[in-house]
C-alpha atoms as a PDB file:
ATOM      1  CA  UNK A   1      -0.188   0.302   0.219  1.00  0.00           C
ATOM      2  CA  UNK A   2       0.744   3.696  -0.587  1.00  0.00           C
ATOM      3  CA  UNK A   3       1.114   6.779   1.885  1.00  0.00           C
ATOM      4  CA  UNK A   4      -1.817   8.838   2.702  1.00  0.00           C
ATOM      5  CA  UNK A   5      -1.593  11.938   0.656  1.00  0.00           C
ATOM      6  CA  UNK A   6      -3.679  14.783   1.513  1.00  0.00           C
ATOM      7  CA  UNK A   7      -6.509  15.416  -0.831  1.00  0.00           C
ATOM      8  CA  UNK A   8      -8.185  18.802   0.638  1.00  0.00           C
ATOM      9  CA  UNK A   9      -9.594  20.304   3.838  1.00  0.00           C
ATOM     10  CA  UNK A  10     -12.643  18.816   5.313  1.00  0.00           C
ATOM     11  CA  UNK A  11     -14.750  21.849   3.814  1.00  0.00           C
ATOM     12  CA  UNK A  12     -13.804  21.482   0.274  1.00  0.00           C
ATOM     13  CA  UNK A  13     -16.078  18.682  -0.077  1.00  0.00           C
ATOM     14  CA  UNK A  14     -19.578  18.749  -0.124  1.00  0.00           C
ATOM     15  CA  UNK A  15     -21.791  16.671   1.868  1.00  0.00           C
ATOM     16  CA  UNK A  16     -23.766  14.290   0.195  1.00  0.00           C
ATOM     17  CA  UNK A  17     -21.757  14.274  -2.873  1.00  0.00           C
ATOM     18  CA  UNK A  18     -18.032  13.381  -5.022  1.00  0.00           C
ATOM     19  CA  UNK A  19     -15.540  15.060  -5.563  1.00  0.00           C
ATOM     20  CA  UNK A  20     -12.621  14.037  -8.247  1.00  0.00           C
ATOM     21  CA  UNK A  21      -8.964  13.684  -6.710  1.00  0.00           C
ATOM     22  CA  UNK A  22      -5.895  12.549  -8.334  1.00  0.00           C
ATOM     23  CA  UNK A  23      -3.880  10.535  -5.913  1.00  0.00           C
ATOM     24  CA  UNK A  24      -0.261   9.309  -7.147  1.00  0.00           C
ATOM     25  CA  UNK A  25      -1.674   9.278 -11.076  1.00  0.00           C
ATOM     26  CA  UNK A  26      -4.489   7.533 -10.123  1.00  0.00           C
ATOM     27  CA  UNK A  27      -8.227   9.051 -10.669  1.00  0.00           C
ATOM     28  CA  UNK A  28     -10.119   9.045  -7.609  1.00  0.00           C
ATOM     29  CA  UNK A  29     -13.700  10.009  -5.968  1.00  0.00           C
ATOM     30  CA  UNK A  30     -13.968  11.085  -2.775  1.00  0.00           C
ATOM     31  CA  UNK A  31     -17.554  11.393  -0.910  1.00  0.00           C
ATOM     32  CA  UNK A  32     -18.044  12.802   1.946  1.00  0.00           C
ATOM     33  CA  UNK A  33     -21.497  11.359   3.597  1.00  0.00           C
ATOM     34  CA  UNK A  34     -22.972  11.296   6.905  1.00  0.00           C
ATOM     35  CA  UNK A  35     -20.860   8.199   8.576  1.00  0.00           C
ATOM     36  CA  UNK A  36     -17.679   9.847   7.450  1.00  0.00           C
ATOM     37  CA  UNK A  37     -15.635   9.911   3.893  1.00  0.00           C
ATOM     38  CA  UNK A  38     -14.984   7.223   1.555  1.00  0.00           C
ATOM     39  CA  UNK A  39     -12.871   6.897  -2.136  1.00  0.00           C
ATOM     40  CA  UNK A  40     -12.986   4.555  -4.924  1.00  0.00           C
ATOM     41  CA  UNK A  41     -12.184   4.365  -8.378  1.00  0.00           C
ATOM     42  CA  UNK A  42     -13.622   7.775 -10.188  1.00  0.00           C
ATOM     43  CA  UNK A  43     -13.701   5.624 -13.834  1.00  0.00           C
ATOM     44  CA  UNK A  44     -17.116   3.995 -14.061  1.00  0.00           C
ATOM     45  CA  UNK A  45     -16.591   0.270 -15.026  1.00  0.00           C
ATOM     46  CA  UNK A  46     -18.454   0.726 -18.362  1.00  0.00           C
ATOM     47  CA  UNK A  47     -16.741   3.715 -20.503  1.00  0.00           C
ATOM     48  CA  UNK A  48     -15.172   5.128 -17.811  1.00  0.00           C
ATOM     49  CA  UNK A  49     -17.552   8.109 -16.757  1.00  0.00           C
ATOM     50  CA  UNK A  50     -16.938  10.167 -13.904  1.00  0.00           C
ATOM     51  CA  UNK A  51     -17.864   8.949 -10.458  1.00  0.00           C
ATOM     52  CA  UNK A  52     -17.628  11.647  -8.543  1.00  0.00           C
ATOM     53  CA  UNK A  53     -20.305  13.619 -10.798  1.00  0.00           C
ATOM     54  CA  UNK A  54     -23.218  11.408 -10.404  1.00  0.00           C
ATOM     55  CA  UNK A  55     -26.178  11.875  -8.547  1.00  0.00           C
ATOM     56  CA  UNK A  56     -25.233  10.347  -4.856  1.00  0.00           C
ATOM     57  CA  UNK A  57     -28.671   8.315  -2.764  1.00  0.00           C
ATOM     58  CA  UNK A  58     -27.303   6.871   0.866  1.00  0.00           C
ATOM     59  CA  UNK A  59     -24.261   4.737   0.033  1.00  0.00           C
ATOM     60  CA  UNK A  60     -24.807   4.420  -4.141  1.00  0.00           C
ATOM     61  CA  UNK A  61     -23.506   6.571  -6.411  1.00  0.00           C
ATOM     62  CA  UNK A  62     -24.578   6.124  -9.976  1.00  0.00           C
ATOM     63  CA  UNK A  63     -22.602   6.635 -13.165  1.00  0.00           C
ATOM     64  CA  UNK A  64     -24.041   9.861 -15.160  1.00  0.00           C
ATOM     65  CA  UNK A  65     -23.232   8.581 -18.250  1.00  0.00           C
ATOM     66  CA  UNK A  66     -25.323   5.068 -18.574  1.00  0.00           C
ATOM     67  CA  UNK A  67     -26.794   4.384 -14.893  1.00  0.00           C
ATOM     68  CA  UNK A  68     -24.177   1.989 -14.122  1.00  0.00           C
ATOM     69  CA  UNK A  69     -24.298   2.258 -10.013  1.00  0.00           C
ATOM     70  CA  UNK A  70     -22.024   1.717  -7.218  1.00  0.00           C
ATOM     71  CA  UNK A  71     -21.667   0.970  -3.695  1.00  0.00           C
ATOM     72  CA  UNK A  72     -19.376   4.077  -2.382  1.00  0.00           C
ATOM     73  CA  UNK A  73     -18.317   1.875   0.688  1.00  0.00           C
ATOM     74  CA  UNK A  74     -16.866  -0.571  -1.353  1.00  0.00           C
ATOM     75  CA  UNK A  75     -17.059  -0.039  -4.902  1.00  0.00           C
ATOM     76  CA  UNK A  76     -18.950  -3.099  -5.603  1.00  0.00           C
ATOM     77  CA  UNK A  77     -21.338  -2.646  -8.653  1.00  0.00           C
ATOM     78  CA  UNK A  78     -24.966  -2.602  -7.648  1.00  0.00           C
ATOM     79  CA  UNK A  79     -26.205  -4.632 -10.781  1.00  0.00           C
ATOM     80  CA  UNK A  80     -23.314  -7.417 -10.575  1.00  0.00           C
ATOM     81  CA  UNK A  81     -21.835  -7.687  -7.118  1.00  0.00           C
ATOM     82  CA  UNK A  82     -18.386 -10.239  -8.755  1.00  0.00           C
ATOM     83  CA  UNK A  83     -16.839  -6.906 -10.183  1.00  0.00           C
ATOM     84  CA  UNK A  84     -16.350  -3.425  -8.677  1.00  0.00           C
ATOM     85  CA  UNK A  85     -14.149  -0.851  -9.071  1.00  0.00           C
ATOM     86  CA  UNK A  86     -10.865  -0.330  -6.038  1.00  0.00           C
ATOM     87  CA  UNK A  87     -11.989   1.043  -2.743  1.00  0.00           C
ATOM     88  CA  UNK A  88      -9.430   3.013  -1.029  1.00  0.00           C
ATOM     89  CA  UNK A  89      -9.189   3.800   2.463  1.00  0.00           C
ATOM     90  CA  UNK A  90      -9.459   7.854   4.140  1.00  0.00           C
ATOM     91  CA  UNK A  91      -8.979   8.964   7.024  1.00  0.00           C
ATOM     92  CA  UNK A  92      -9.139  12.863   8.270  1.00  0.00           C
ATOM     93  CA  UNK A  93      -6.030  13.997  10.261  1.00  0.00           C
ATOM     94  CA  UNK A  94      -6.941  17.863  11.464  1.00  0.00           C
ATOM     95  CA  UNK A  95      -9.719  18.923   9.295  1.00  0.00           C
ATOM     96  CA  UNK A  96      -6.978  17.377   5.980  1.00  0.00           C
ATOM     97  CA  UNK A  97      -8.953  14.775   4.472  1.00  0.00           C
ATOM     98  CA  UNK A  98      -6.118  11.925   3.326  1.00  0.00           C
ATOM     99  CA  UNK A  99      -6.604   9.341   0.778  1.00  0.00           C
ATOM    100  CA  UNK A 100      -4.226   5.940   0.776  1.00  0.00           C
ATOM    101  CA  UNK A 101      -4.438   3.741  -2.244  1.00  0.00           C
ATOM    102  CA  UNK A 102      -5.085   0.158  -1.798  1.00  0.00           C
ATOM    103  CA  UNK A 103      -3.762  -1.534  -5.035  1.00  0.00           C
END
């Protein structure tokens, strides 16, 4: 695993929505939900749509391009639990949000 990388301050992340971050060259979608921060790969498996721009309902984000949905906590594709995008670790130190790539 890589080291944790700062991706912004808490205030930079809108509640209940996603935001894009480039973490060590990787496109990551970071979500601020009621129960914390979550990070998954930003590129939808279908045609690489930007997951960070998709609508969020509960713990599910839906790709704005073609409607594929992912569990934000795990990265698992809702329509096919056998596949998904990578999930990454998050933490908050002071008021700084950090992400650690998991693969």
